[in-house]
């Protein structure tokens, strides 16, 4: 298989993985691939065509204290990254949320 064929094959696999809703591990097991191959091709196919452009688009996030009339201590906040939603409760661990969002960047 030549380089172009391999690129097309993995492009189709990445599309299938992203639309499957499966975790990396579950998708790899179902399709006979290793998670290392999937991560490699996710990075390779998401590389910018120019070395001067950034691979991530960051959006500033302002955090404000919620007013009592709009939320209660038991109301969760739902954060969406791609097609994945994360419920954040009062007293959440910001470092854990940051790591989860970083991990989702590859799959979304």
PDB file of N, CA and C in Angstrom:
ATOM      1  N   UNK A   1       0.853  -1.175   0.000  1.00  0.00           N
ATOM      2  CA  UNK A   1       0.000   0.000   0.000  1.00  0.00           C
ATOM      3  C   UNK A   1       0.900   1.238   0.000  1.00  0.00           C
ATOM      4  N   UNK A   2       0.646   2.168  -0.918  1.00  0.00           N
ATOM      5  CA  UNK A   2       1.477   3.369  -0.986  1.00  0.00           C
ATOM      6  C   UNK A   2       0.994   4.422   0.019  1.00  0.00           C
ATOM      7  N   UNK A   3       1.761   5.477   0.126  1.00  0.00           N
ATOM      8  CA  UNK A   3       1.513   6.516   1.121  1.00  0.00           C
ATOM      9  C   UNK A   3       0.131   7.162   0.951  1.00  0.00           C
ATOM     10  N   UNK A   4      -0.249   7.449  -0.276  1.00  0.00           N
ATOM     11  CA  UNK A   4      -1.547   8.082  -0.544  1.00  0.00           C
ATOM     12  C   UNK A   4      -2.706   7.170  -0.163  1.00  0.00           C
ATOM     13  N   UNK A   5      -2.592   5.886  -0.455  1.00  0.00           N
ATOM     14  CA  UNK A   5      -3.645   4.937  -0.105  1.00  0.00           C
ATOM     15  C   UNK A   5      -3.785   4.822   1.416  1.00  0.00           C
ATOM     16  N   UNK A   6      -2.639   4.779   2.108  1.00  0.00           N
ATOM     17  CA  UNK A   6      -2.646   4.687   3.570  1.00  0.00           C
ATOM     18  C   UNK A   6      -3.298   5.938   4.171  1.00  0.00           C
ATOM     19  N   UNK A   7      -2.981   7.102   3.607  1.00  0.00           N
ATOM     20  CA  UNK A   7      -3.562   8.358   4.066  1.00  0.00           C
ATOM     21  C   UNK A   7      -5.083   8.357   3.875  1.00  0.00           C
ATOM     22  N   UNK A   8      -5.555   7.904   2.718  1.00  0.00           N
ATOM     23  CA  UNK A   8      -6.993   7.837   2.451  1.00  0.00           C
ATOM     24  C   UNK A   8      -7.684   6.840   3.378  1.00  0.00           C
ATOM     25  N   UNK A   9      -7.044   5.700   3.594  1.00  0.00           N
ATOM     26  CA  UNK A   9      -7.620   4.674   4.462  1.00  0.00           C
ATOM     27  C   UNK A   9      -7.778   5.199   5.887  1.00  0.00           C
ATOM     28  N   UNK A  10      -6.732   5.843   6.404  1.00  0.00           N
ATOM     29  CA  UNK A  10      -6.792   6.353   7.768  1.00  0.00           C
ATOM     30  C   UNK A  10      -7.712   7.560   7.886  1.00  0.00           C
ATOM     31  N   UNK A  11      -7.820   8.323   6.839  1.00  0.00           N
ATOM     32  CA  UNK A  11      -8.762   9.441   6.851  1.00  0.00           C
ATOM     33  C   UNK A  11     -10.185   8.905   7.018  1.00  0.00           C
ATOM     34  N   UNK A  12     -10.509   7.842   6.311  1.00  0.00           N
ATOM     35  CA  UNK A  12     -11.826   7.212   6.429  1.00  0.00           C
ATOM     36  C   UNK A  12     -12.001   6.602   7.822  1.00  0.00           C
ATOM     37  N   UNK A  13     -10.963   5.992   8.363  1.00  0.00           N
ATOM     38  CA  UNK A  13     -11.047   5.402   9.703  1.00  0.00           C
ATOM     39  C   UNK A  13     -11.288   6.477  10.758  1.00  0.00           C
ATOM     40  N   UNK A  14     -10.585   7.610  10.640  1.00  0.00           N
ATOM     41  CA  UNK A  14     -10.741   8.704  11.605  1.00  0.00           C
ATOM     42  C   UNK A  14     -12.171   9.251  11.541  1.00  0.00           C
ATOM     43  N   UNK A  15     -12.699   9.389  10.333  1.00  0.00           N
ATOM     44  CA  UNK A  15     -14.086   9.848  10.177  1.00  0.00           C
ATOM     45  C   UNK A  15     -15.040   8.870  10.853  1.00  0.00           C
ATOM     46  N   UNK A  16     -14.799   7.576  10.640  1.00  0.00           N
ATOM     47  CA  UNK A  16     -15.631   6.547  11.262  1.00  0.00           C
ATOM     48  C   UNK A  16     -15.520   6.611  12.784  1.00  0.00           C
ATOM     49  N   UNK A  17     -14.298   6.766  13.310  1.00  0.00           N
ATOM     50  CA  UNK A  17     -14.095   6.836  14.759  1.00  0.00           C
ATOM     51  C   UNK A  17     -14.849   8.030  15.343  1.00  0.00           C
ATOM     52  N   UNK A  18     -14.690   9.203  14.721  1.00  0.00           N
ATOM     53  CA  UNK A  18     -15.318  10.415  15.257  1.00  0.00           C
ATOM     54  C   UNK A  18     -16.843  10.332  15.231  1.00  0.00           C
ATOM     55  N   UNK A  19     -17.399   9.676  14.242  1.00  0.00           N
ATOM     56  CA  UNK A  19     -18.854   9.582  14.157  1.00  0.00           C
ATOM     57  C   UNK A  19     -19.424   8.413  14.964  1.00  0.00           C
ATOM     58  N   UNK A  20     -18.551   7.530  15.448  1.00  0.00           N
ATOM     59  CA  UNK A  20     -19.022   6.325  16.148  1.00  0.00           C
ATOM     60  C   UNK A  20     -19.533   6.608  17.554  1.00  0.00           C
ATOM     61  N   UNK A  21     -18.985   7.626  18.207  1.00  0.00           N
ATOM     62  CA  UNK A  21     -19.359   7.881  19.593  1.00  0.00           C
ATOM     63  C   UNK A  21     -18.664   6.956  20.575  1.00  0.00           C
ATOM     64  N   UNK A  22     -17.787   6.088  20.070  1.00  0.00           N
ATOM     65  CA  UNK A  22     -17.057   5.153  20.930  1.00  0.00           C
ATOM     66  C   UNK A  22     -15.815   5.810  21.502  1.00  0.00           C
ATOM     67  N   UNK A  23     -15.327   5.246  22.597  1.00  0.00           N
ATOM     68  CA  UNK A  23     -14.039   5.686  23.121  1.00  0.00           C
ATOM     69  C   UNK A  23     -12.952   5.183  22.175  1.00  0.00           C
ATOM     70  N   UNK A  24     -11.764   5.745  22.293  1.00  0.00           N
ATOM     71  CA  UNK A  24     -10.649   5.298  21.457  1.00  0.00           C
ATOM     72  C   UNK A  24     -10.414   3.799  21.646  1.00  0.00           C
ATOM     73  N   UNK A  25     -10.408   3.395  22.897  1.00  0.00           N
ATOM     74  CA  UNK A  25     -10.132   1.996  23.213  1.00  0.00           C
ATOM     75  C   UNK A  25     -11.188   1.069  22.611  1.00  0.00           C
ATOM     76  N   UNK A  26     -12.462   1.421  22.764  1.00  0.00           N
ATOM     77  CA  UNK A  26     -13.534   0.576  22.246  1.00  0.00           C
ATOM     78  C   UNK A  26     -13.506   0.534  20.712  1.00  0.00           C
ATOM     79  N   UNK A  27     -13.273   1.681  20.082  1.00  0.00           N
ATOM     80  CA  UNK A  27     -13.229   1.707  18.615  1.00  0.00           C
ATOM     81  C   UNK A  27     -12.074   0.853  18.101  1.00  0.00           C
ATOM     82  N   UNK A  28     -10.907   0.989  18.718  1.00  0.00           N
ATOM     83  CA  UNK A  28      -9.730   0.217  18.289  1.00  0.00           C
ATOM     84  C   UNK A  28      -9.970  -1.278  18.434  1.00  0.00           C
ATOM     85  N   UNK A  29     -10.565  -1.662  19.539  1.00  0.00           N
ATOM     86  CA  UNK A  29     -10.838  -3.087  19.757  1.00  0.00           C
ATOM     87  C   UNK A  29     -11.820  -3.607  18.710  1.00  0.00           C
ATOM     88  N   UNK A  30     -12.834  -2.819  18.388  1.00  0.00           N
ATOM     89  CA  UNK A  30     -13.841  -3.252  17.417  1.00  0.00           C
ATOM     90  C   UNK A  30     -13.294  -3.307  15.987  1.00  0.00           C
ATOM     91  N   UNK A  31     -12.242  -2.527  15.704  1.00  0.00           N
ATOM     92  CA  UNK A  31     -11.721  -2.443  14.336  1.00  0.00           C
ATOM     93  C   UNK A  31     -10.323  -3.036  14.168  1.00  0.00           C
ATOM     94  N   UNK A  32      -9.827  -3.710  15.203  1.00  0.00           N
ATOM     95  CA  UNK A  32      -8.538  -4.394  15.095  1.00  0.00           C
ATOM     96  C   UNK A  32      -7.349  -3.455  14.925  1.00  0.00           C
ATOM     97  N   UNK A  33      -7.423  -2.268  15.535  1.00  0.00           N
ATOM     98  CA  UNK A  33      -6.323  -1.305  15.461  1.00  0.00           C
ATOM     99  C   UNK A  33      -5.779  -1.085  16.865  1.00  0.00           C
ATOM    100  N   UNK A  34      -4.566  -0.558  16.939  1.00  0.00           N
ATOM    101  CA  UNK A  34      -4.028  -0.225  18.257  1.00  0.00           C
ATOM    102  C   UNK A  34      -4.337   1.245  18.549  1.00  0.00           C
ATOM    103  N   UNK A  35      -4.452   1.547  19.832  1.00  0.00           N
ATOM    104  CA  UNK A  35      -4.738   2.919  20.232  1.00  0.00           C
ATOM    105  C   UNK A  35      -3.588   3.850  19.822  1.00  0.00           C
ATOM    106  N   UNK A  36      -2.375   3.307  19.780  1.00  0.00           N
ATOM    107  CA  UNK A  36      -1.217   4.116  19.370  1.00  0.00           C
ATOM    108  C   UNK A  36      -1.341   4.526  17.902  1.00  0.00           C
ATOM    109  N   UNK A  37      -1.812   3.606  17.060  1.00  0.00           N
ATOM    110  CA  UNK A  37      -2.014   3.942  15.643  1.00  0.00           C
ATOM    111  C   UNK A  37      -3.080   5.023  15.501  1.00  0.00           C
ATOM    112  N   UNK A  38      -4.175   4.869  16.223  1.00  0.00           N
ATOM    113  CA  UNK A  38      -5.262   5.842  16.140  1.00  0.00           C
ATOM    114  C   UNK A  38      -4.792   7.220  16.590  1.00  0.00           C
ATOM    115  N   UNK A  39      -4.083   7.292  17.703  1.00  0.00           N
ATOM    116  CA  UNK A  39      -3.590   8.588  18.186  1.00  0.00           C
ATOM    117  C   UNK A  39      -2.606   9.208  17.187  1.00  0.00           C
ATOM    118  N   UNK A  40      -1.744   8.377  16.622  1.00  0.00           N
ATOM    119  CA  UNK A  40      -0.781   8.873  15.638  1.00  0.00           C
ATOM    120  C   UNK A  40      -1.503   9.508  14.463  1.00  0.00           C
ATOM    121  N   UNK A  41      -2.488   8.796  13.897  1.00  0.00           N
ATOM    122  CA  UNK A  41      -3.183   9.303  12.719  1.00  0.00           C
ATOM    123  C   UNK A  41      -4.095  10.476  13.049  1.00  0.00           C
ATOM    124  N   UNK A  42      -4.649  10.526  14.251  1.00  0.00           N
ATOM    125  CA  UNK A  42      -5.422  11.702  14.659  1.00  0.00           C
ATOM    126  C   UNK A  42      -4.526  12.942  14.641  1.00  0.00           C
ATOM    127  N   UNK A  43      -3.316  12.795  15.208  1.00  0.00           N
ATOM    128  CA  UNK A  43      -2.365  13.924  15.205  1.00  0.00           C
ATOM    129  C   UNK A  43      -1.933  14.255  13.788  1.00  0.00           C
ATOM    130  N   UNK A  44      -1.577  13.233  13.023  1.00  0.00           N
ATOM    131  CA  UNK A  44      -1.054  13.445  11.675  1.00  0.00           C
ATOM    132  C   UNK A  44      -2.085  14.133  10.773  1.00  0.00           C
ATOM    133  N   UNK A  45      -3.337  13.693  10.844  1.00  0.00           N
ATOM    134  CA  UNK A  45      -4.359  14.260   9.970  1.00  0.00           C
ATOM    135  C   UNK A  45      -4.894  15.599  10.470  1.00  0.00           C
ATOM    136  N   UNK A  46      -4.605  15.940  11.714  1.00  0.00           N
ATOM    137  CA  UNK A  46      -5.038  17.231  12.247  1.00  0.00           C
ATOM    138  C   UNK A  46      -3.944  18.277  12.218  1.00  0.00           C
ATOM    139  N   UNK A  47      -2.742  17.900  11.721  1.00  0.00           N
ATOM    140  CA  UNK A  47      -1.646  18.873  11.645  1.00  0.00           C
ATOM    141  C   UNK A  47      -2.027  19.985  10.684  1.00  0.00           C
ATOM    142  N   UNK A  48      -1.702  21.233  11.054  1.00  0.00           N
ATOM    143  CA  UNK A  48      -1.975  22.326  10.122  1.00  0.00           C
ATOM    144  C   UNK A  48      -1.081  22.218   8.886  1.00  0.00           C
ATOM    145  N   UNK A  49      -1.575  22.678   7.750  1.00  0.00           N
ATOM    146  CA  UNK A  49      -0.787  22.593   6.517  1.00  0.00           C
ATOM    147  C   UNK A  49       0.377  23.555   6.535  1.00  0.00           C
ATOM    148  N   UNK A  50       0.298  24.581   7.339  1.00  0.00           N
ATOM    149  CA  UNK A  50       1.384  25.557   7.450  1.00  0.00           C
ATOM    150  C   UNK A  50       1.955  25.491   8.853  1.00  0.00           C
ATOM    151  N   UNK A  51       3.254  25.577   8.964  1.00  0.00           N
ATOM    152  CA  UNK A  51       3.883  25.497  10.283  1.00  0.00           C
ATOM    153  C   UNK A  51       3.646  26.762  11.096  1.00  0.00           C
ATOM    154  N   UNK A  52       3.137  27.828  10.479  1.00  0.00           N
ATOM    155  CA  UNK A  52       2.901  29.072  11.215  1.00  0.00           C
ATOM    156  C   UNK A  52       1.526  29.118  11.853  1.00  0.00           C
ATOM    157  N   UNK A  53       0.600  28.242  11.431  1.00  0.00           N
ATOM    158  CA  UNK A  53      -0.737  28.288  12.020  1.00  0.00           C
ATOM    159  C   UNK A  53      -0.786  27.417  13.267  1.00  0.00           C
ATOM    160  N   UNK A  54      -1.670  27.767  14.169  1.00  0.00           N
ATOM    161  CA  UNK A  54      -1.806  27.047  15.428  1.00  0.00           C
ATOM    162  C   UNK A  54      -2.725  25.845  15.242  1.00  0.00           C
ATOM    163  N   UNK A  55      -2.446  24.746  15.948  1.00  0.00           N
ATOM    164  CA  UNK A  55      -3.281  23.562  15.835  1.00  0.00           C
ATOM    165  C   UNK A  55      -4.500  23.640  16.748  1.00  0.00           C
ATOM    166  N   UNK A  56      -4.540  24.622  17.629  1.00  0.00           N
ATOM    167  CA  UNK A  56      -5.679  24.771  18.534  1.00  0.00           C
ATOM    168  C   UNK A  56      -6.211  26.189  18.460  1.00  0.00           C
ATOM    169  N   UNK A  57      -7.505  26.306  18.543  1.00  0.00           N
ATOM    170  CA  UNK A  57      -8.137  27.612  18.608  1.00  0.00           C
ATOM    171  C   UNK A  57      -8.676  27.781  20.016  1.00  0.00           C
ATOM    172  N   UNK A  58      -8.041  28.596  20.810  1.00  0.00           N
ATOM    173  CA  UNK A  58      -8.436  28.814  22.186  1.00  0.00           C
ATOM    174  C   UNK A  58      -9.421  29.961  22.261  1.00  0.00           C
ATOM    175  N   UNK A  59     -10.391  29.819  23.104  1.00  0.00           N
ATOM    176  CA  UNK A  59     -11.393  30.840  23.319  1.00  0.00           C
ATOM    177  C   UNK A  59     -11.286  31.283  24.771  1.00  0.00           C
ATOM    178  N   UNK A  60     -11.231  32.608  25.010  1.00  0.00           N
ATOM    179  CA  UNK A  60     -11.141  33.063  26.400  1.00  0.00           C
ATOM    180  C   UNK A  60     -12.403  32.673  27.184  1.00  0.00           C
ATOM    181  N   UNK A  61     -12.244  32.347  28.428  1.00  0.00           N
ATOM    182  CA  UNK A  61     -13.349  31.946  29.282  1.00  0.00           C
ATOM    183  C   UNK A  61     -13.341  32.824  30.516  1.00  0.00           C
ATOM    184  N   UNK A  62     -14.408  33.554  30.727  1.00  0.00           N
ATOM    185  CA  UNK A  62     -14.546  34.373  31.926  1.00  0.00           C
ATOM    186  C   UNK A  62     -15.434  33.623  32.902  1.00  0.00           C
ATOM    187  N   UNK A  63     -14.991  33.526  34.142  1.00  0.00           N
ATOM    188  CA  UNK A  63     -15.763  32.826  35.161  1.00  0.00           C
ATOM    189  C   UNK A  63     -16.317  33.860  36.120  1.00  0.00           C
ATOM    190  N   UNK A  64     -17.624  33.851  36.241  1.00  0.00           N
ATOM    191  CA  UNK A  64     -18.308  34.784  37.125  1.00  0.00           C
ATOM    192  C   UNK A  64     -19.043  33.996  38.193  1.00  0.00           C
ATOM    193  N   UNK A  65     -19.193  34.595  39.368  1.00  0.00           N
ATOM    194  CA  UNK A  65     -19.979  33.952  40.410  1.00  0.00           C
ATOM    195  C   UNK A  65     -21.436  33.995  40.004  1.00  0.00           C
ATOM    196  N   UNK A  66     -22.099  32.861  40.003  1.00  0.00           N
ATOM    197  CA  UNK A  66     -23.511  32.861  39.611  1.00  0.00           C
ATOM    198  C   UNK A  66     -24.366  33.558  40.661  1.00  0.00           C
ATOM    199  N   UNK A  67     -25.386  34.259  40.224  1.00  0.00           N
ATOM    200  CA  UNK A  67     -26.274  34.901  41.193  1.00  0.00           C
ATOM    201  C   UNK A  67     -27.217  33.848  41.743  1.00  0.00           C
ATOM    202  N   UNK A  68     -27.683  34.056  42.934  1.00  0.00           N
ATOM    203  CA  UNK A  68     -28.529  33.083  43.621  1.00  0.00           C
ATOM    204  C   UNK A  68     -29.848  32.867  42.888  1.00  0.00           C
ATOM    205  N   UNK A  69     -30.351  33.881  42.168  1.00  0.00           N
ATOM    206  CA  UNK A  69     -31.644  33.729  41.505  1.00  0.00           C
ATOM    207  C   UNK A  69     -31.581  32.826  40.278  1.00  0.00           C
ATOM    208  N   UNK A  70     -30.391  32.607  39.699  1.00  0.00           N
ATOM    209  CA  UNK A  70     -30.279  31.812  38.484  1.00  0.00           C
ATOM    210  C   UNK A  70     -29.803  30.384  38.725  1.00  0.00           C
ATOM    211  N   UNK A  71     -29.236  30.122  39.856  1.00  0.00           N
ATOM    212  CA  UNK A  71     -28.763  28.759  40.098  1.00  0.00           C
ATOM    213  C   UNK A  71     -28.864  28.411  41.566  1.00  0.00           C
ATOM    214  N   UNK A  72     -28.911  27.144  41.836  1.00  0.00           N
ATOM    215  CA  UNK A  72     -28.913  26.678  43.211  1.00  0.00           C
ATOM    216  C   UNK A  72     -27.658  25.847  43.408  1.00  0.00           C
ATOM    217  N   UNK A  73     -27.240  25.625  44.636  1.00  0.00           N
ATOM    218  CA  UNK A  73     -26.013  24.856  44.881  1.00  0.00           C
ATOM    219  C   UNK A  73     -26.035  23.457  44.278  1.00  0.00           C
ATOM    220  N   UNK A  74     -27.226  22.892  44.050  1.00  0.00           N
ATOM    221  CA  UNK A  74     -27.288  21.538  43.511  1.00  0.00           C
ATOM    222  C   UNK A  74     -27.404  21.511  41.991  1.00  0.00           C
ATOM    223  N   UNK A  75     -27.502  22.677  41.339  1.00  0.00           N
ATOM    224  CA  UNK A  75     -27.639  22.704  39.878  1.00  0.00           C
ATOM    225  C   UNK A  75     -26.291  22.518  39.214  1.00  0.00           C
ATOM    226  N   UNK A  76     -26.154  21.464  38.389  1.00  0.00           N
ATOM    227  CA  UNK A  76     -24.878  21.260  37.692  1.00  0.00           C
ATOM    228  C   UNK A  76     -24.760  22.177  36.478  1.00  0.00           C
ATOM    229  N   UNK A  77     -23.547  22.448  36.084  1.00  0.00           N
ATOM    230  CA  UNK A  77     -23.251  23.182  34.860  1.00  0.00           C
ATOM    231  C   UNK A  77     -22.797  22.144  33.843  1.00  0.00           C
ATOM    232  N   UNK A  78     -23.346  22.181  32.626  1.00  0.00           N
ATOM    233  CA  UNK A  78     -22.939  21.240  31.593  1.00  0.00           C
ATOM    234  C   UNK A  78     -22.003  21.937  30.628  1.00  0.00           C
ATOM    235  N   UNK A  79     -20.800  21.379  30.465  1.00  0.00           N
ATOM    236  CA  UNK A  79     -19.791  21.897  29.544  1.00  0.00           C
ATOM    237  C   UNK A  79     -19.772  20.961  28.348  1.00  0.00           C
ATOM    238  N   UNK A  80     -19.900  21.501  27.143  1.00  0.00           N
ATOM    239  CA  UNK A  80     -19.895  20.683  25.932  1.00  0.00           C
ATOM    240  C   UNK A  80     -18.591  20.890  25.176  1.00  0.00           C
ATOM    241  N   UNK A  81     -17.928  19.780  24.825  1.00  0.00           N
ATOM    242  CA  UNK A  81     -16.731  19.770  23.990  1.00  0.00           C
ATOM    243  C   UNK A  81     -17.044  18.827  22.838  1.00  0.00           C
ATOM    244  N   UNK A  82     -17.311  19.383  21.664  1.00  0.00           N
ATOM    245  CA  UNK A  82     -17.742  18.561  20.544  1.00  0.00           C
ATOM    246  C   UNK A  82     -19.090  17.960  20.862  1.00  0.00           C
ATOM    247  N   UNK A  83     -19.232  16.660  20.742  1.00  0.00           N
ATOM    248  CA  UNK A  83     -20.491  15.981  21.010  1.00  0.00           C
ATOM    249  C   UNK A  83     -20.560  15.410  22.428  1.00  0.00           C
ATOM    250  N   UNK A  84     -19.595  15.746  23.266  1.00  0.00           N
ATOM    251  CA  UNK A  84     -19.515  15.205  24.624  1.00  0.00           C
ATOM    252  C   UNK A  84     -19.913  16.282  25.625  1.00  0.00           C
ATOM    253  N   UNK A  85     -20.765  15.928  26.575  1.00  0.00           N
ATOM    254  CA  UNK A  85     -21.160  16.849  27.637  1.00  0.00           C
ATOM    255  C   UNK A  85     -20.581  16.403  28.968  1.00  0.00           C
ATOM    256  N   UNK A  86     -20.115  17.374  29.756  1.00  0.00           N
ATOM    257  CA  UNK A  86     -19.548  17.088  31.071  1.00  0.00           C
ATOM    258  C   UNK A  86     -20.336  17.897  32.092  1.00  0.00           C
ATOM    259  N   UNK A  87     -20.907  17.226  33.097  1.00  0.00           N
ATOM    260  CA  UNK A  87     -21.612  17.937  34.152  1.00  0.00           C
ATOM    261  C   UNK A  87     -20.618  18.315  35.238  1.00  0.00           C
ATOM    262  N   UNK A  88     -20.617  19.596  35.593  1.00  0.00           N
ATOM    263  CA  UNK A  88     -19.707  20.112  36.608  1.00  0.00           C
ATOM    264  C   UNK A  88     -20.543  20.559  37.796  1.00  0.00           C
ATOM    265  N   UNK A  89     -20.262  19.992  38.950  1.00  0.00           N
ATOM    266  CA  UNK A  89     -20.971  20.327  40.180  1.00  0.00           C
ATOM    267  C   UNK A  89     -20.202  21.398  40.952  1.00  0.00           C
ATOM    268  N   UNK A  90     -20.872  22.044  41.872  1.00  0.00           N
ATOM    269  CA  UNK A  90     -20.226  23.007  42.757  1.00  0.00           C
ATOM    270  C   UNK A  90     -19.106  22.285  43.502  1.00  0.00           C
ATOM    271  N   UNK A  91     -17.941  22.903  43.575  1.00  0.00           N
ATOM    272  CA  UNK A  91     -16.800  22.308  44.260  1.00  0.00           C
ATOM    273  C   UNK A  91     -15.993  21.365  43.385  1.00  0.00           C
ATOM    274  N   UNK A  92     -16.182  21.430  42.052  1.00  0.00           N
ATOM    275  CA  UNK A  92     -15.447  20.549  41.139  1.00  0.00           C
ATOM    276  C   UNK A  92     -13.949  20.832  41.210  1.00  0.00           C
ATOM    277  N   UNK A  93     -13.165  19.873  40.730  1.00  0.00           N
ATOM    278  CA  UNK A  93     -11.710  20.005  40.689  1.00  0.00           C
ATOM    279  C   UNK A  93     -11.325  20.619  39.340  1.00  0.00           C
ATOM    280  N   UNK A  94     -10.893  21.893  39.307  1.00  0.00           N
ATOM    281  CA  UNK A  94     -10.584  22.532  38.023  1.00  0.00           C
ATOM    282  C   UNK A  94      -9.445  21.846  37.266  1.00  0.00           C
ATOM    283  N   UNK A  95      -8.486  21.282  37.978  1.00  0.00           N
ATOM    284  CA  UNK A  95      -7.390  20.588  37.297  1.00  0.00           C
ATOM    285  C   UNK A  95      -7.887  19.333  36.595  1.00  0.00           C
ATOM    286  N   UNK A  96      -8.796  18.610  37.216  1.00  0.00           N
ATOM    287  CA  UNK A  96      -9.361  17.422  36.598  1.00  0.00           C
ATOM    288  C   UNK A  96     -10.167  17.801  35.358  1.00  0.00           C
ATOM    289  N   UNK A  97     -10.971  18.859  35.440  1.00  0.00           N
ATOM    290  CA  UNK A  97     -11.744  19.314  34.284  1.00  0.00           C
ATOM    291  C   UNK A  97     -10.815  19.701  33.145  1.00  0.00           C
ATOM    292  N   UNK A  98      -9.736  20.387  33.446  1.00  0.00           N
ATOM    293  CA  UNK A  98      -8.765  20.797  32.427  1.00  0.00           C
ATOM    294  C   UNK A  98      -8.177  19.566  31.721  1.00  0.00           C
ATOM    295  N   UNK A  99      -7.831  18.523  32.489  1.00  0.00           N
ATOM    296  CA  UNK A  99      -7.271  17.306  31.896  1.00  0.00           C
ATOM    297  C   UNK A  99      -8.297  16.580  31.021  1.00  0.00           C
ATOM    298  N   UNK A 100      -9.538  16.568  31.469  1.00  0.00           N
ATOM    299  CA  UNK A 100     -10.600  15.911  30.685  1.00  0.00           C
ATOM    300  C   UNK A 100     -10.796  16.631  29.362  1.00  0.00           C
ATOM    301  N   UNK A 101     -10.850  17.961  29.393  1.00  0.00           N
ATOM    302  CA  UNK A 101     -11.044  18.728  28.175  1.00  0.00           C
ATOM    303  C   UNK A 101      -9.876  18.512  27.215  1.00  0.00           C
ATOM    304  N   UNK A 102      -8.666  18.476  27.734  1.00  0.00           N
ATOM    305  CA  UNK A 102      -7.490  18.201  26.875  1.00  0.00           C
ATOM    306  C   UNK A 102      -7.592  16.828  26.226  1.00  0.00           C
ATOM    307  N   UNK A 103      -8.028  15.844  26.987  1.00  0.00           N
ATOM    308  CA  UNK A 103      -8.155  14.490  26.442  1.00  0.00           C
ATOM    309  C   UNK A 103      -9.239  14.448  25.360  1.00  0.00           C
ATOM    310  N   UNK A 104     -10.279  15.225  25.531  1.00  0.00           N
ATOM    311  CA  UNK A 104     -11.353  15.232  24.534  1.00  0.00           C
ATOM    312  C   UNK A 104     -10.963  15.945  23.256  1.00  0.00           C
ATOM    313  N   UNK A 105      -9.982  16.822  23.320  1.00  0.00           N
ATOM    314  CA  UNK A 105      -9.549  17.529  22.118  1.00  0.00           C
ATOM    315  C   UNK A 105      -9.173  16.565  21.000  1.00  0.00           C
ATOM    316  N   UNK A 106      -8.582  15.441  21.349  1.00  0.00           N
ATOM    317  CA  UNK A 106      -8.175  14.480  20.338  1.00  0.00           C
ATOM    318  C   UNK A 106      -9.360  13.759  19.708  1.00  0.00           C
ATOM    319  N   UNK A 107     -10.381  13.540  20.500  1.00  0.00           N
ATOM    320  CA  UNK A 107     -11.482  12.762  19.969  1.00  0.00           C
ATOM    321  C   UNK A 107     -12.626  13.585  19.399  1.00  0.00           C
ATOM    322  N   UNK A 108     -12.584  14.881  19.551  1.00  0.00           N
ATOM    323  CA  UNK A 108     -13.690  15.715  19.044  1.00  0.00           C
ATOM    324  C   UNK A 108     -13.291  16.557  17.868  1.00  0.00           C
TER     325      UNK A 108
END
